[in-house]
């Protein structure tokens, strides 16, 4: 049997650095769901930079999160 991989969803995750609390770096993340499958890496990065310019504290990382389903085919 073959196994196929089907993309269920794509999201963009931004990680923000809130400084240090009790000597530990405090980071929080926000995920924006329903990114179009046709979106290019350049378009996702441009969106990340635009959103970063509108918020405090500044974001430090951008991730593309892909959820995929594995299906056995006969």
PDB file of N, CA and C in Angstrom:
ATOM      1  N   UNK A   1       0.836  -1.186   0.000  1.00  0.00           N
ATOM      2  CA  UNK A   1       0.000   0.000   0.000  1.00  0.00           C
ATOM      3  C   UNK A   1       0.877   1.245   0.000  1.00  0.00           C
ATOM      4  N   UNK A   2       0.442   2.216  -0.747  1.00  0.00           N
ATOM      5  CA  UNK A   2       1.149   3.489  -0.797  1.00  0.00           C
ATOM      6  C   UNK A   2       0.551   4.451   0.225  1.00  0.00           C
ATOM      7  N   UNK A   3       1.344   5.392   0.634  1.00  0.00           N
ATOM      8  CA  UNK A   3       0.876   6.406   1.579  1.00  0.00           C
ATOM      9  C   UNK A   3       0.964   7.759   0.893  1.00  0.00           C
ATOM     10  N   UNK A   4      -0.143   8.497   0.940  1.00  0.00           N
ATOM     11  CA  UNK A   4      -0.194   9.845   0.368  1.00  0.00           C
ATOM     12  C   UNK A   4      -0.226  10.871   1.486  1.00  0.00           C
ATOM     13  N   UNK A   5       0.308  12.033   1.196  1.00  0.00           N
ATOM     14  CA  UNK A   5       0.324  13.138   2.149  1.00  0.00           C
ATOM     15  C   UNK A   5      -0.544  14.254   1.578  1.00  0.00           C
ATOM     16  N   UNK A   6      -1.596  14.637   2.295  1.00  0.00           N
ATOM     17  CA  UNK A   6      -2.512  15.692   1.863  1.00  0.00           C
ATOM     18  C   UNK A   6      -2.413  16.877   2.817  1.00  0.00           C
ATOM     19  N   UNK A   7      -2.201  18.065   2.276  1.00  0.00           N
ATOM     20  CA  UNK A   7      -2.114  19.273   3.100  1.00  0.00           C
ATOM     21  C   UNK A   7      -3.514  19.664   3.549  1.00  0.00           C
ATOM     22  N   UNK A   8      -3.697  19.786   4.866  1.00  0.00           N
ATOM     23  CA  UNK A   8      -4.987  20.204   5.421  1.00  0.00           C
ATOM     24  C   UNK A   8      -5.056  21.708   5.622  1.00  0.00           C
ATOM     25  N   UNK A   9      -3.994  22.300   6.171  1.00  0.00           N
ATOM     26  CA  UNK A   9      -4.011  23.738   6.419  1.00  0.00           C
ATOM     27  C   UNK A   9      -2.588  24.279   6.471  1.00  0.00           C
ATOM     28  N   UNK A  10      -2.486  25.579   6.202  1.00  0.00           N
ATOM     29  CA  UNK A  10      -1.210  26.284   6.262  1.00  0.00           C
ATOM     30  C   UNK A  10      -1.427  27.530   7.108  1.00  0.00           C
ATOM     31  N   UNK A  11      -0.480  27.819   7.987  1.00  0.00           N
ATOM     32  CA  UNK A  11      -0.582  28.999   8.834  1.00  0.00           C
ATOM     33  C   UNK A  11       0.759  29.708   8.932  1.00  0.00           C
ATOM     34  N   UNK A  12       0.717  30.948   9.424  1.00  0.00           N
ATOM     35  CA  UNK A  12       1.928  31.725   9.670  1.00  0.00           C
ATOM     36  C   UNK A  12       2.003  31.993  11.164  1.00  0.00           C
ATOM     37  N   UNK A  13       3.119  31.625  11.775  1.00  0.00           N
ATOM     38  CA  UNK A  13       3.294  31.788  13.216  1.00  0.00           C
ATOM     39  C   UNK A  13       4.341  32.858  13.479  1.00  0.00           C
ATOM     40  N   UNK A  14       3.974  33.849  14.310  1.00  0.00           N
ATOM     41  CA  UNK A  14       4.893  34.914  14.706  1.00  0.00           C
ATOM     42  C   UNK A  14       5.250  34.714  16.172  1.00  0.00           C
ATOM     43  N   UNK A  15       6.540  34.815  16.494  1.00  0.00           N
ATOM     44  CA  UNK A  15       6.996  34.696  17.874  1.00  0.00           C
ATOM     45  C   UNK A  15       7.496  36.061  18.327  1.00  0.00           C
ATOM     46  N   UNK A  16       6.949  36.543  19.456  1.00  0.00           N
ATOM     47  CA  UNK A  16       7.322  37.847  19.996  1.00  0.00           C
ATOM     48  C   UNK A  16       8.136  37.663  21.268  1.00  0.00           C
ATOM     49  N   UNK A  17       9.130  38.516  21.455  1.00  0.00           N
ATOM     50  CA  UNK A  17       9.984  38.492  22.637  1.00  0.00           C
ATOM     51  C   UNK A  17       9.518  39.600  23.575  1.00  0.00           C
ATOM     52  N   UNK A  18       9.044  39.214  24.766  1.00  0.00           N
ATOM     53  CA  UNK A  18       8.543  40.165  25.752  1.00  0.00           C
ATOM     54  C   UNK A  18       9.592  40.523  26.797  1.00  0.00           C
ATOM     55  N   UNK A  19      10.844  40.183  26.565  1.00  0.00           N
ATOM     56  CA  UNK A  19      11.901  40.492  27.516  1.00  0.00           C
ATOM     57  C   UNK A  19      12.120  39.347  28.487  1.00  0.00           C
ATOM     58  N   UNK A  20      12.747  39.662  29.627  1.00  0.00           N
ATOM     59  CA  UNK A  20      13.036  38.622  30.607  1.00  0.00           C
ATOM     60  C   UNK A  20      12.152  38.781  31.833  1.00  0.00           C
ATOM     61  N   UNK A  21      11.722  37.649  32.375  1.00  0.00           N
ATOM     62  CA  UNK A  21      10.944  37.592  33.609  1.00  0.00           C
ATOM     63  C   UNK A  21      11.608  36.540  34.492  1.00  0.00           C
ATOM     64  N   UNK A  22      12.070  36.954  35.655  1.00  0.00           N
ATOM     65  CA  UNK A  22      12.766  36.051  36.579  1.00  0.00           C
ATOM     66  C   UNK A  22      13.947  35.356  35.903  1.00  0.00           C
ATOM     67  N   UNK A  23      14.667  36.080  35.060  1.00  0.00           N
ATOM     68  CA  UNK A  23      15.845  35.538  34.398  1.00  0.00           C
ATOM     69  C   UNK A  23      15.566  34.663  33.189  1.00  0.00           C
ATOM     70  N   UNK A  24      14.306  34.442  32.856  1.00  0.00           N
ATOM     71  CA  UNK A  24      13.922  33.624  31.699  1.00  0.00           C
ATOM     72  C   UNK A  24      13.366  34.532  30.600  1.00  0.00           C
ATOM     73  N   UNK A  25      13.690  34.224  29.354  1.00  0.00           N
ATOM     74  CA  UNK A  25      13.157  34.992  28.233  1.00  0.00           C
ATOM     75  C   UNK A  25      11.693  34.611  28.042  1.00  0.00           C
ATOM     76  N   UNK A  26      10.813  35.608  28.016  1.00  0.00           N
ATOM     77  CA  UNK A  26       9.383  35.370  27.840  1.00  0.00           C
ATOM     78  C   UNK A  26       9.025  35.594  26.376  1.00  0.00           C
ATOM     79  N   UNK A  27       8.592  34.518  25.726  1.00  0.00           N
ATOM     80  CA  UNK A  27       8.180  34.583  24.324  1.00  0.00           C
ATOM     81  C   UNK A  27       6.737  34.124  24.226  1.00  0.00           C
ATOM     82  N   UNK A  28       5.984  34.795  23.366  1.00  0.00           N
ATOM     83  CA  UNK A  28       4.609  34.388  23.085  1.00  0.00           C
ATOM     84  C   UNK A  28       4.450  34.316  21.577  1.00  0.00           C
ATOM     85  N   UNK A  29       3.576  33.417  21.134  1.00  0.00           N
ATOM     86  CA  UNK A  29       3.384  33.263  19.695  1.00  0.00           C
ATOM     87  C   UNK A  29       1.928  33.484  19.319  1.00  0.00           C
ATOM     88  N   UNK A  30       1.740  33.874  18.078  1.00  0.00           N
ATOM     89  CA  UNK A  30       0.414  34.072  17.497  1.00  0.00           C
ATOM     90  C   UNK A  30       0.436  33.403  16.132  1.00  0.00           C
ATOM     91  N   UNK A  31      -0.571  32.546  15.873  1.00  0.00           N
ATOM     92  CA  UNK A  31      -0.657  31.853  14.596  1.00  0.00           C
ATOM     93  C   UNK A  31      -1.828  32.392  13.794  1.00  0.00           C
ATOM     94  N   UNK A  32      -1.565  32.770  12.567  1.00  0.00           N
ATOM     95  CA  UNK A  32      -2.599  33.226  11.639  1.00  0.00           C
ATOM     96  C   UNK A  32      -2.903  32.060  10.710  1.00  0.00           C
ATOM     97  N   UNK A  33      -4.136  31.590  10.751  1.00  0.00           N
ATOM     98  CA  UNK A  33      -4.527  30.402   9.986  1.00  0.00           C
ATOM     99  C   UNK A  33      -5.050  30.778   8.605  1.00  0.00           C
ATOM    100  N   UNK A  34      -5.327  29.751   7.816  1.00  0.00           N
ATOM    101  CA  UNK A  34      -5.931  29.879   6.490  1.00  0.00           C
ATOM    102  C   UNK A  34      -5.072  30.654   5.497  1.00  0.00           C
ATOM    103  N   UNK A  35      -3.766  30.439   5.540  1.00  0.00           N
ATOM    104  CA  UNK A  35      -2.879  31.009   4.532  1.00  0.00           C
ATOM    105  C   UNK A  35      -3.115  30.237   3.237  1.00  0.00           C
ATOM    106  N   UNK A  36      -3.226  30.943   2.140  1.00  0.00           N
ATOM    107  CA  UNK A  36      -3.471  30.289   0.851  1.00  0.00           C
ATOM    108  C   UNK A  36      -2.297  29.389   0.476  1.00  0.00           C
ATOM    109  N   UNK A  37      -2.618  28.241  -0.083  1.00  0.00           N
ATOM    110  CA  UNK A  37      -1.582  27.290  -0.486  1.00  0.00           C
ATOM    111  C   UNK A  37      -0.672  27.878  -1.563  1.00  0.00           C
ATOM    112  N   UNK A  38      -1.190  28.810  -2.349  1.00  0.00           N
ATOM    113  CA  UNK A  38      -0.413  29.420  -3.427  1.00  0.00           C
ATOM    114  C   UNK A  38       0.481  30.564  -2.938  1.00  0.00           C
ATOM    115  N   UNK A  39       0.407  30.910  -1.653  1.00  0.00           N
ATOM    116  CA  UNK A  39       1.211  32.018  -1.125  1.00  0.00           C
ATOM    117  C   UNK A  39       2.697  31.672  -1.212  1.00  0.00           C
ATOM    118  N   UNK A  40       3.473  32.606  -1.714  1.00  0.00           N
ATOM    119  CA  UNK A  40       4.920  32.392  -1.827  1.00  0.00           C
ATOM    120  C   UNK A  40       5.599  32.736  -0.505  1.00  0.00           C
ATOM    121  N   UNK A  41       6.823  32.274  -0.349  1.00  0.00           N
ATOM    122  CA  UNK A  41       7.592  32.614   0.850  1.00  0.00           C
ATOM    123  C   UNK A  41       7.786  34.124   0.955  1.00  0.00           C
ATOM    124  N   UNK A  42       7.993  34.782  -0.174  1.00  0.00           N
ATOM    125  CA  UNK A  42       8.176  36.236  -0.180  1.00  0.00           C
ATOM    126  C   UNK A  42       6.908  36.949   0.285  1.00  0.00           C
ATOM    127  N   UNK A  43       5.745  36.462  -0.129  1.00  0.00           N
ATOM    128  CA  UNK A  43       4.480  37.074   0.282  1.00  0.00           C
ATOM    129  C   UNK A  43       4.234  36.871   1.773  1.00  0.00           C
ATOM    130  N   UNK A  44       4.561  35.697   2.279  1.00  0.00           N
ATOM    131  CA  UNK A  44       4.397  35.430   3.711  1.00  0.00           C
ATOM    132  C   UNK A  44       5.337  36.316   4.518  1.00  0.00           C
ATOM    133  N   UNK A  45       6.577  36.474   4.065  1.00  0.00           N
ATOM    134  CA  UNK A  45       7.531  37.327   4.775  1.00  0.00           C
ATOM    135  C   UNK A  45       7.103  38.788   4.730  1.00  0.00           C
ATOM    136  N   UNK A  46       6.559  39.244   3.606  1.00  0.00           N
ATOM    137  CA  UNK A  46       6.074  40.625   3.506  1.00  0.00           C
ATOM    138  C   UNK A  46       4.917  40.855   4.474  1.00  0.00           C
ATOM    139  N   UNK A  47       4.034  39.880   4.604  1.00  0.00           N
ATOM    140  CA  UNK A  47       2.921  39.975   5.546  1.00  0.00           C
ATOM    141  C   UNK A  47       3.439  39.999   6.977  1.00  0.00           C
ATOM    142  N   UNK A  48       4.402  39.154   7.270  1.00  0.00           N
ATOM    143  CA  UNK A  48       5.027  39.113   8.595  1.00  0.00           C
ATOM    144  C   UNK A  48       5.617  40.479   8.952  1.00  0.00           C
ATOM    145  N   UNK A  49       6.357  41.072   8.026  1.00  0.00           N
ATOM    146  CA  UNK A  49       6.986  42.369   8.286  1.00  0.00           C
ATOM    147  C   UNK A  49       5.945  43.471   8.463  1.00  0.00           C
ATOM    148  N   UNK A  50       4.864  43.424   7.669  1.00  0.00           N
ATOM    149  CA  UNK A  50       3.802  44.427   7.794  1.00  0.00           C
ATOM    150  C   UNK A  50       3.120  44.324   9.158  1.00  0.00           C
ATOM    151  N   UNK A  51       2.793  43.107   9.585  1.00  0.00           N
ATOM    152  CA  UNK A  51       2.165  42.917  10.896  1.00  0.00           C
ATOM    153  C   UNK A  51       3.122  43.287  12.022  1.00  0.00           C
ATOM    154  N   UNK A  52       4.396  42.970  11.858  1.00  0.00           N
ATOM    155  CA  UNK A  52       5.395  43.290  12.876  1.00  0.00           C
ATOM    156  C   UNK A  52       5.492  44.795  13.089  1.00  0.00           C
ATOM    157  N   UNK A  53       5.345  45.562  12.023  1.00  0.00           N
ATOM    158  CA  UNK A  53       5.417  47.013  12.132  1.00  0.00           C
ATOM    159  C   UNK A  53       4.234  47.635  12.856  1.00  0.00           C
ATOM    160  N   UNK A  54       3.168  46.876  13.039  1.00  0.00           N
ATOM    161  CA  UNK A  54       1.957  47.392  13.680  1.00  0.00           C
ATOM    162  C   UNK A  54       1.817  46.992  15.141  1.00  0.00           C
ATOM    163  N   UNK A  55       2.744  46.216  15.662  1.00  0.00           N
ATOM    164  CA  UNK A  55       2.552  45.702  17.020  1.00  0.00           C
ATOM    165  C   UNK A  55       3.772  45.903  17.902  1.00  0.00           C
ATOM    166  N   UNK A  56       3.540  45.834  19.195  1.00  0.00           N
ATOM    167  CA  UNK A  56       4.596  45.862  20.201  1.00  0.00           C
ATOM    168  C   UNK A  56       4.415  44.658  21.093  1.00  0.00           C
ATOM    169  N   UNK A  57       5.408  43.979  21.529  1.00  0.00           N
ATOM    170  CA  UNK A  57       6.806  44.124  21.143  1.00  0.00           C
ATOM    171  C   UNK A  57       7.057  43.566  19.751  1.00  0.00           C
ATOM    172  N   UNK A  58       8.223  43.851  19.258  1.00  0.00           N
ATOM    173  CA  UNK A  58       8.570  43.402  17.912  1.00  0.00           C
ATOM    174  C   UNK A  58       8.678  41.881  17.861  1.00  0.00           C
ATOM    175  N   UNK A  59       8.309  41.331  16.722  1.00  0.00           N
ATOM    176  CA  UNK A  59       8.421  39.885  16.514  1.00  0.00           C
ATOM    177  C   UNK A  59       9.879  39.532  16.252  1.00  0.00           C
ATOM    178  N   UNK A  60      10.245  38.303  16.603  1.00  0.00           N
ATOM    179  CA  UNK A  60      11.628  37.884  16.360  1.00  0.00           C
ATOM    180  C   UNK A  60      11.746  36.721  15.390  1.00  0.00           C
ATOM    181  N   UNK A  61      10.669  35.962  15.175  1.00  0.00           N
ATOM    182  CA  UNK A  61      10.733  34.821  14.260  1.00  0.00           C
ATOM    183  C   UNK A  61       9.426  34.679  13.494  1.00  0.00           C
ATOM    184  N   UNK A  62       9.532  34.132  12.289  1.00  0.00           N
ATOM    185  CA  UNK A  62       8.369  33.830  11.461  1.00  0.00           C
ATOM    186  C   UNK A  62       8.467  32.368  11.029  1.00  0.00           C
ATOM    187  N   UNK A  63       7.376  31.627  11.222  1.00  0.00           N
ATOM    188  CA  UNK A  63       7.340  30.214  10.849  1.00  0.00           C
ATOM    189  C   UNK A  63       6.143  29.953   9.948  1.00  0.00           C
ATOM    190  N   UNK A  64       6.296  29.028   9.023  1.00  0.00           N
ATOM    191  CA  UNK A  64       5.167  28.524   8.245  1.00  0.00           C
ATOM    192  C   UNK A  64       4.800  27.181   8.862  1.00  0.00           C
ATOM    193  N   UNK A  65       3.534  27.060   9.278  1.00  0.00           N
ATOM    194  CA  UNK A  65       3.054  25.846   9.937  1.00  0.00           C
ATOM    195  C   UNK A  65       2.133  25.119   8.966  1.00  0.00           C
ATOM    196  N   UNK A  66       2.493  23.894   8.617  1.00  0.00           N
ATOM    197  CA  UNK A  66       1.704  23.098   7.686  1.00  0.00           C
ATOM    198  C   UNK A  66       1.183  21.862   8.404  1.00  0.00           C
ATOM    199  N   UNK A  67      -0.130  21.639   8.305  1.00  0.00           N
ATOM    200  CA  UNK A  67      -0.743  20.439   8.871  1.00  0.00           C
ATOM    201  C   UNK A  67      -1.096  19.519   7.719  1.00  0.00           C
ATOM    202  N   UNK A  68      -0.616  18.280   7.806  1.00  0.00           N
ATOM    203  CA  UNK A  68      -0.824  17.325   6.721  1.00  0.00           C
ATOM    204  C   UNK A  68      -1.447  16.038   7.259  1.00  0.00           C
ATOM    205  N   UNK A  69      -2.229  15.409   6.417  1.00  0.00           N
ATOM    206  CA  UNK A  69      -2.871  14.142   6.751  1.00  0.00           C
ATOM    207  C   UNK A  69      -2.200  13.032   5.948  1.00  0.00           C
ATOM    208  N   UNK A  70      -1.906  11.921   6.608  1.00  0.00           N
ATOM    209  CA  UNK A  70      -1.354  10.758   5.916  1.00  0.00           C
ATOM    210  C   UNK A  70      -2.480   9.768   5.657  1.00  0.00           C
ATOM    211  N   UNK A  71      -2.596   9.319   4.395  1.00  0.00           N
ATOM    212  CA  UNK A  71      -3.675   8.422   3.994  1.00  0.00           C
ATOM    213  C   UNK A  71      -3.077   7.234   3.253  1.00  0.00           C
ATOM    214  N   UNK A  72      -3.521   6.035   3.619  1.00  0.00           N
ATOM    215  CA  UNK A  72      -3.110   4.837   2.890  1.00  0.00           C
ATOM    216  C   UNK A  72      -4.009   4.663   1.678  1.00  0.00           C
ATOM    217  N   UNK A  73      -3.399   4.393   0.537  1.00  0.00           N
ATOM    218  CA  UNK A  73      -4.174   4.147  -0.678  1.00  0.00           C
ATOM    219  C   UNK A  73      -4.013   2.690  -1.077  1.00  0.00           C
ATOM    220  N   UNK A  74      -5.041   2.187  -1.713  1.00  0.00           N
ATOM    221  CA  UNK A  74      -5.038   0.771  -2.108  1.00  0.00           C
ATOM    222  C   UNK A  74      -4.538   0.622  -3.517  1.00  0.00           C
TER     223      UNK A  74
END
